[in-house]
Amino acid sequence: MSHSITVLKSKLHNATVTHALKDYEGSVALSSELIKLGKFTMYEQVHLWNITQGTRLTTYIMEYEGDEKGIICVNGAAAHRANPGDRIILATFAEIASEDSWEPHIVIMNEDNTRKA
């Protein structure tokens, strides 16, 4: 009998927080190339797992307003749980039929938020 399961859709692993703004509407803002690299969608729910601090939170993705590359800016209340320099995992999920096969999109990151070779 078929049923839905939740699977890992995409993940940026071992990325680095570049900014944290507490006085801002909550979200995590990513530079456009990171949104593309992670195969994320604007306003998509994202889990932010902080490797450095051992915390986890859920927010949504926004595009960083600026031309800089490699930007991960944690905003609002979430900024209390992430500091610049913290290593993080950004993960999104999808629902699929239990009988469907699935392969997540996983990108391992360098310290400068580029894809590790």
N, C-alpha and C. Protein backbone atom coordinates (compact mmCIF):
# COMPACT_ATOMS: atom_id res chain seq x y z
N MET A 1 0.85 -1.19 0.00
CA MET A 1 0.00 0.00 0.00
C MET A 1 0.89 1.25 0.00
N SER A 2 0.58 2.17 -0.86
CA SER A 2 1.38 3.39 -1.00
C SER A 2 1.02 4.41 0.07
N HIS A 3 2.03 5.08 0.54
CA HIS A 3 1.84 6.20 1.45
C HIS A 3 2.97 7.20 1.22
N SER A 4 2.84 8.38 1.76
CA SER A 4 3.87 9.41 1.59
C SER A 4 4.93 9.28 2.66
N ILE A 5 6.17 9.57 2.26
CA ILE A 5 7.26 9.66 3.22
C ILE A 5 7.99 10.98 2.98
N THR A 6 8.60 11.49 4.02
CA THR A 6 9.38 12.72 3.92
C THR A 6 10.84 12.34 3.76
N VAL A 7 11.47 12.89 2.71
CA VAL A 7 12.86 12.57 2.41
C VAL A 7 13.68 13.86 2.34
N LEU A 8 14.98 13.73 2.55
CA LEU A 8 15.89 14.84 2.35
C LEU A 8 15.87 15.23 0.88
N LYS A 9 15.55 16.50 0.60
CA LYS A 9 15.53 16.99 -0.78
C LYS A 9 16.90 17.51 -1.17
N SER A 10 17.43 18.45 -0.37
CA SER A 10 18.73 19.02 -0.68
C SER A 10 19.40 19.52 0.58
N LYS A 11 20.75 19.61 0.49
CA LYS A 11 21.50 19.99 1.69
C LYS A 11 22.81 20.67 1.29
N LEU A 12 23.10 21.79 1.97
CA LEU A 12 24.43 22.39 1.95
C LEU A 12 25.06 22.01 3.28
N HIS A 13 26.10 21.20 3.23
CA HIS A 13 26.71 20.66 4.45
C HIS A 13 28.03 21.38 4.76
N ASN A 14 28.17 21.79 6.00
CA ASN A 14 29.40 22.41 6.51
C ASN A 14 29.62 23.81 5.93
N ALA A 15 28.52 24.53 5.69
CA ALA A 15 28.60 25.92 5.22
C ALA A 15 28.95 26.83 6.41
N THR A 16 29.29 28.07 6.11
CA THR A 16 29.69 29.02 7.15
C THR A 16 28.74 30.22 7.17
N VAL A 17 28.23 30.55 8.35
CA VAL A 17 27.41 31.75 8.52
C VAL A 17 28.31 32.96 8.33
N THR A 18 27.86 33.90 7.49
CA THR A 18 28.65 35.11 7.24
C THR A 18 28.12 36.33 8.00
N HIS A 19 26.80 36.36 8.26
CA HIS A 19 26.17 37.49 8.94
C HIS A 19 25.06 36.97 9.86
N ALA A 20 24.75 37.74 10.90
CA ALA A 20 23.60 37.46 11.76
C ALA A 20 23.01 38.80 12.18
N LEU A 21 21.76 39.03 11.78
CA LEU A 21 21.08 40.30 12.05
C LEU A 21 19.85 40.06 12.92
N LYS A 22 19.93 40.44 14.19
CA LYS A 22 18.82 40.19 15.12
C LYS A 22 17.64 41.10 14.86
N ASP A 23 17.88 42.34 14.43
CA ASP A 23 16.79 43.29 14.18
C ASP A 23 16.36 43.22 12.73
N TYR A 24 15.80 42.08 12.34
CA TYR A 24 15.38 41.86 10.97
C TYR A 24 14.28 40.82 10.97
N GLU A 25 13.43 40.88 9.95
CA GLU A 25 12.39 39.86 9.79
C GLU A 25 13.06 38.49 9.71
N GLY A 26 12.51 37.51 10.40
CA GLY A 26 13.13 36.20 10.48
C GLY A 26 13.25 35.47 9.16
N SER A 27 14.38 34.81 8.97
CA SER A 27 14.65 34.00 7.78
C SER A 27 16.14 33.73 7.74
N VAL A 28 16.55 33.03 6.70
CA VAL A 28 17.98 32.95 6.38
C VAL A 28 18.11 33.43 4.94
N ALA A 29 18.91 34.47 4.75
CA ALA A 29 19.11 35.04 3.42
C ALA A 29 20.38 34.44 2.83
N LEU A 30 20.25 33.92 1.61
CA LEU A 30 21.38 33.31 0.90
C LEU A 30 21.65 34.08 -0.37
N SER A 31 22.93 34.21 -0.72
CA SER A 31 23.26 34.80 -2.01
C SER A 31 22.71 33.89 -3.11
N SER A 32 22.43 34.49 -4.26
CA SER A 32 21.72 33.76 -5.32
C SER A 32 22.44 32.50 -5.76
N GLU A 33 23.78 32.50 -5.80
CA GLU A 33 24.48 31.30 -6.26
C GLU A 33 24.34 30.16 -5.25
N LEU A 34 24.17 30.47 -3.96
CA LEU A 34 23.95 29.40 -2.97
C LEU A 34 22.55 28.83 -3.08
N ILE A 35 21.57 29.67 -3.41
CA ILE A 35 20.21 29.17 -3.63
C ILE A 35 20.23 28.18 -4.79
N LYS A 36 20.91 28.54 -5.87
CA LYS A 36 21.01 27.65 -7.03
C LYS A 36 21.81 26.40 -6.71
N LEU A 37 22.94 26.57 -6.02
CA LEU A 37 23.79 25.43 -5.68
C LEU A 37 23.04 24.40 -4.84
N GLY A 38 22.24 24.89 -3.88
CA GLY A 38 21.48 23.99 -3.02
C GLY A 38 20.18 23.49 -3.62
N LYS A 39 19.85 24.00 -4.81
CA LYS A 39 18.56 23.68 -5.45
C LYS A 39 17.40 24.02 -4.53
N PHE A 40 17.53 25.18 -3.85
CA PHE A 40 16.50 25.67 -2.96
C PHE A 40 15.51 26.55 -3.73
N THR A 41 14.36 26.79 -3.14
CA THR A 41 13.33 27.65 -3.69
C THR A 41 13.09 28.80 -2.72
N MET A 42 12.85 29.99 -3.27
CA MET A 42 12.55 31.13 -2.41
C MET A 42 11.37 30.81 -1.49
N TYR A 43 11.51 31.18 -0.24
CA TYR A 43 10.50 31.00 0.81
C TYR A 43 10.27 29.54 1.19
N GLU A 44 11.13 28.67 0.71
CA GLU A 44 11.05 27.25 1.08
C GLU A 44 11.46 27.09 2.54
N GLN A 45 10.77 26.22 3.24
CA GLN A 45 11.15 25.91 4.62
C GLN A 45 12.53 25.25 4.60
N VAL A 46 13.38 25.67 5.52
CA VAL A 46 14.72 25.11 5.62
C VAL A 46 15.06 24.85 7.08
N HIS A 47 15.73 23.73 7.31
CA HIS A 47 16.25 23.43 8.64
C HIS A 47 17.68 23.92 8.69
N LEU A 48 18.02 24.62 9.75
CA LEU A 48 19.37 25.11 9.96
C LEU A 48 19.91 24.40 11.19
N TRP A 49 20.88 23.53 10.96
CA TRP A 49 21.51 22.78 12.04
C TRP A 49 22.89 23.36 12.27
N ASN A 50 23.10 23.91 13.46
CA ASN A 50 24.34 24.59 13.77
C ASN A 50 25.35 23.58 14.33
N ILE A 51 26.34 23.24 13.53
CA ILE A 51 27.37 22.28 13.94
C ILE A 51 28.19 22.84 15.09
N THR A 52 28.49 24.13 15.04
CA THR A 52 29.33 24.78 16.06
C THR A 52 28.65 24.80 17.42
N GLN A 53 27.38 25.20 17.45
CA GLN A 53 26.67 25.38 18.72
C GLN A 53 25.81 24.19 19.13
N GLY A 54 25.56 23.29 18.20
CA GLY A 54 24.72 22.13 18.52
C GLY A 54 23.25 22.45 18.60
N THR A 55 22.80 23.52 17.92
CA THR A 55 21.38 23.90 17.95
C THR A 55 20.74 23.61 16.59
N ARG A 56 19.41 23.56 16.60
CA ARG A 56 18.63 23.34 15.38
C ARG A 56 17.47 24.30 15.37
N LEU A 57 17.12 24.77 14.17
CA LEU A 57 15.95 25.62 14.04
C LEU A 57 15.38 25.47 12.64
N THR A 58 14.16 25.93 12.49
CA THR A 58 13.48 25.89 11.20
C THR A 58 13.09 27.31 10.83
N THR A 59 13.36 27.69 9.59
CA THR A 59 13.01 29.02 9.09
C THR A 59 12.71 28.88 7.60
N TYR A 60 12.89 29.94 6.84
CA TYR A 60 12.65 29.87 5.41
C TYR A 60 13.74 30.62 4.67
N ILE A 61 13.86 30.35 3.38
CA ILE A 61 14.93 30.91 2.56
C ILE A 61 14.47 32.19 1.87
N MET A 62 15.33 33.19 1.93
CA MET A 62 15.15 34.43 1.18
C MET A 62 16.44 34.69 0.41
N GLU A 63 16.36 35.49 -0.63
CA GLU A 63 17.57 35.85 -1.37
C GLU A 63 18.22 37.07 -0.73
N TYR A 64 19.52 36.98 -0.51
CA TYR A 64 20.30 38.10 0.02
C TYR A 64 20.29 39.23 -0.98
N GLU A 65 20.04 40.44 -0.50
CA GLU A 65 19.99 41.62 -1.37
C GLU A 65 21.38 42.22 -1.45
N GLY A 66 22.10 41.87 -2.46
CA GLY A 66 23.45 42.36 -2.66
C GLY A 66 24.14 41.47 -3.67
N ASP A 67 25.28 41.93 -4.14
CA ASP A 67 26.00 41.20 -5.19
C ASP A 67 27.06 40.27 -4.65
N GLU A 68 27.31 40.29 -3.34
CA GLU A 68 28.34 39.45 -2.76
C GLU A 68 28.00 37.97 -2.94
N LYS A 69 29.02 37.16 -3.08
CA LYS A 69 28.83 35.71 -3.19
C LYS A 69 29.14 35.05 -1.86
N GLY A 70 28.55 33.86 -1.67
CA GLY A 70 28.84 33.08 -0.48
C GLY A 70 28.19 33.58 0.80
N ILE A 71 27.15 34.38 0.68
CA ILE A 71 26.52 34.99 1.86
C ILE A 71 25.47 34.06 2.46
N ILE A 72 25.58 33.84 3.76
CA ILE A 72 24.55 33.17 4.55
C ILE A 72 24.29 34.08 5.74
N CYS A 73 23.15 34.77 5.70
CA CYS A 73 22.79 35.75 6.73
C CYS A 73 21.58 35.25 7.50
N VAL A 74 21.79 34.92 8.76
CA VAL A 74 20.71 34.43 9.62
C VAL A 74 20.06 35.65 10.28
N ASN A 75 18.73 35.73 10.18
CA ASN A 75 18.00 36.93 10.59
C ASN A 75 17.01 36.68 11.71
N GLY A 76 16.63 37.78 12.38
CA GLY A 76 15.59 37.75 13.39
C GLY A 76 15.95 36.88 14.59
N ALA A 77 14.94 36.22 15.15
CA ALA A 77 15.15 35.39 16.34
C ALA A 77 16.18 34.30 16.09
N ALA A 78 16.24 33.80 14.86
CA ALA A 78 17.21 32.75 14.52
C ALA A 78 18.65 33.24 14.70
N ALA A 79 18.88 34.55 14.60
CA ALA A 79 20.22 35.10 14.75
C ALA A 79 20.76 34.94 16.17
N HIS A 80 19.89 34.60 17.12
CA HIS A 80 20.35 34.31 18.48
C HIS A 80 20.99 32.92 18.55
N ARG A 81 20.81 32.13 17.51
CA ARG A 81 21.32 30.75 17.49
C ARG A 81 22.40 30.52 16.44
N ALA A 82 22.89 31.60 15.84
CA ALA A 82 23.95 31.45 14.83
C ALA A 82 24.77 32.73 14.80
N ASN A 83 26.07 32.56 14.81
CA ASN A 83 26.99 33.69 14.75
C ASN A 83 27.86 33.58 13.50
N PRO A 84 28.33 34.71 12.99
CA PRO A 84 29.28 34.63 11.88
C PRO A 84 30.44 33.70 12.23
N GLY A 85 30.78 32.84 11.30
CA GLY A 85 31.84 31.87 11.53
C GLY A 85 31.35 30.50 11.95
N ASP A 86 30.09 30.41 12.42
CA ASP A 86 29.53 29.11 12.79
C ASP A 86 29.42 28.23 11.56
N ARG A 87 29.72 26.96 11.72
CA ARG A 87 29.54 25.97 10.66
C ARG A 87 28.12 25.42 10.78
N ILE A 88 27.41 25.33 9.65
CA ILE A 88 26.01 24.91 9.67
C ILE A 88 25.71 23.93 8.55
N ILE A 89 24.55 23.31 8.67
CA ILE A 89 23.95 22.50 7.62
C ILE A 89 22.59 23.13 7.32
N LEU A 90 22.32 23.38 6.04
CA LEU A 90 21.00 23.84 5.60
C LEU A 90 20.37 22.68 4.85
N ALA A 91 19.18 22.26 5.29
CA ALA A 91 18.54 21.08 4.71
C ALA A 91 17.07 21.35 4.42
N THR A 92 16.62 20.90 3.24
CA THR A 92 15.21 20.97 2.88
C THR A 92 14.70 19.55 2.63
N PHE A 93 13.39 19.39 2.72
CA PHE A 93 12.77 18.07 2.62
C PHE A 93 11.63 18.11 1.62
N ALA A 94 11.25 16.93 1.13
CA ALA A 94 10.13 16.79 0.20
C ALA A 94 9.35 15.53 0.57
N GLU A 95 8.10 15.49 0.14
CA GLU A 95 7.29 14.29 0.34
C GLU A 95 7.20 13.55 -0.99
N ILE A 96 7.39 12.25 -0.92
CA ILE A 96 7.28 11.40 -2.10
C ILE A 96 6.46 10.17 -1.74
N ALA A 97 6.01 9.48 -2.75
CA ALA A 97 5.32 8.20 -2.52
C ALA A 97 6.34 7.19 -2.00
N SER A 98 5.94 6.37 -1.07
CA SER A 98 6.87 5.44 -0.42
C SER A 98 7.54 4.48 -1.39
N GLU A 99 6.90 4.17 -2.50
CA GLU A 99 7.49 3.22 -3.44
C GLU A 99 8.44 3.90 -4.46
N ASP A 100 8.46 5.24 -4.47
CA ASP A 100 9.34 5.95 -5.40
C ASP A 100 10.79 5.91 -4.91
N SER A 101 11.72 5.85 -5.84
CA SER A 101 13.13 5.94 -5.46
C SER A 101 13.51 7.42 -5.40
N TRP A 102 14.52 7.74 -4.61
CA TRP A 102 14.88 9.13 -4.42
C TRP A 102 16.37 9.24 -4.13
N GLU A 103 16.99 10.27 -4.67
CA GLU A 103 18.39 10.58 -4.40
C GLU A 103 18.48 12.05 -4.01
N PRO A 104 18.88 12.37 -2.79
CA PRO A 104 18.95 13.78 -2.39
C PRO A 104 20.11 14.50 -3.07
N HIS A 105 20.00 15.81 -3.14
CA HIS A 105 21.05 16.68 -3.67
C HIS A 105 21.87 17.17 -2.48
N ILE A 106 23.11 16.71 -2.36
CA ILE A 106 23.96 17.05 -1.22
C ILE A 106 25.23 17.72 -1.73
N VAL A 107 25.54 18.88 -1.15
CA VAL A 107 26.74 19.63 -1.51
C VAL A 107 27.56 19.84 -0.25
N ILE A 108 28.81 19.40 -0.28
CA ILE A 108 29.74 19.63 0.82
C ILE A 108 30.46 20.95 0.52
N MET A 109 30.53 21.81 1.52
CA MET A 109 31.02 23.17 1.32
C MET A 109 32.42 23.38 1.89
N ASN A 110 33.15 24.31 1.28
CA ASN A 110 34.41 24.82 1.82
C ASN A 110 34.12 25.93 2.81
N GLU A 111 35.13 26.38 3.54
CA GLU A 111 34.96 27.46 4.52
C GLU A 111 34.50 28.77 3.90
N ASP A 112 34.78 28.99 2.61
CA ASP A 112 34.38 30.23 1.94
C ASP A 112 33.02 30.09 1.22
N ASN A 113 32.28 29.06 1.58
CA ASN A 113 30.94 28.80 1.03
C ASN A 113 30.95 28.53 -0.48
N THR A 114 31.99 27.86 -0.92
CA THR A 114 32.04 27.34 -2.28
C THR A 114 31.97 25.82 -2.17
N ARG A 115 31.60 25.20 -3.28
CA ARG A 115 31.48 23.74 -3.32
C ARG A 115 32.85 23.10 -3.18
N LYS A 116 32.93 22.12 -2.27
CA LYS A 116 34.18 21.39 -2.10
C LYS A 116 34.38 20.48 -3.30
N ALA A 117 35.59 20.47 -3.82
CA ALA A 117 35.88 19.65 -5.01
C ALA A 117 35.87 18.18 -4.70
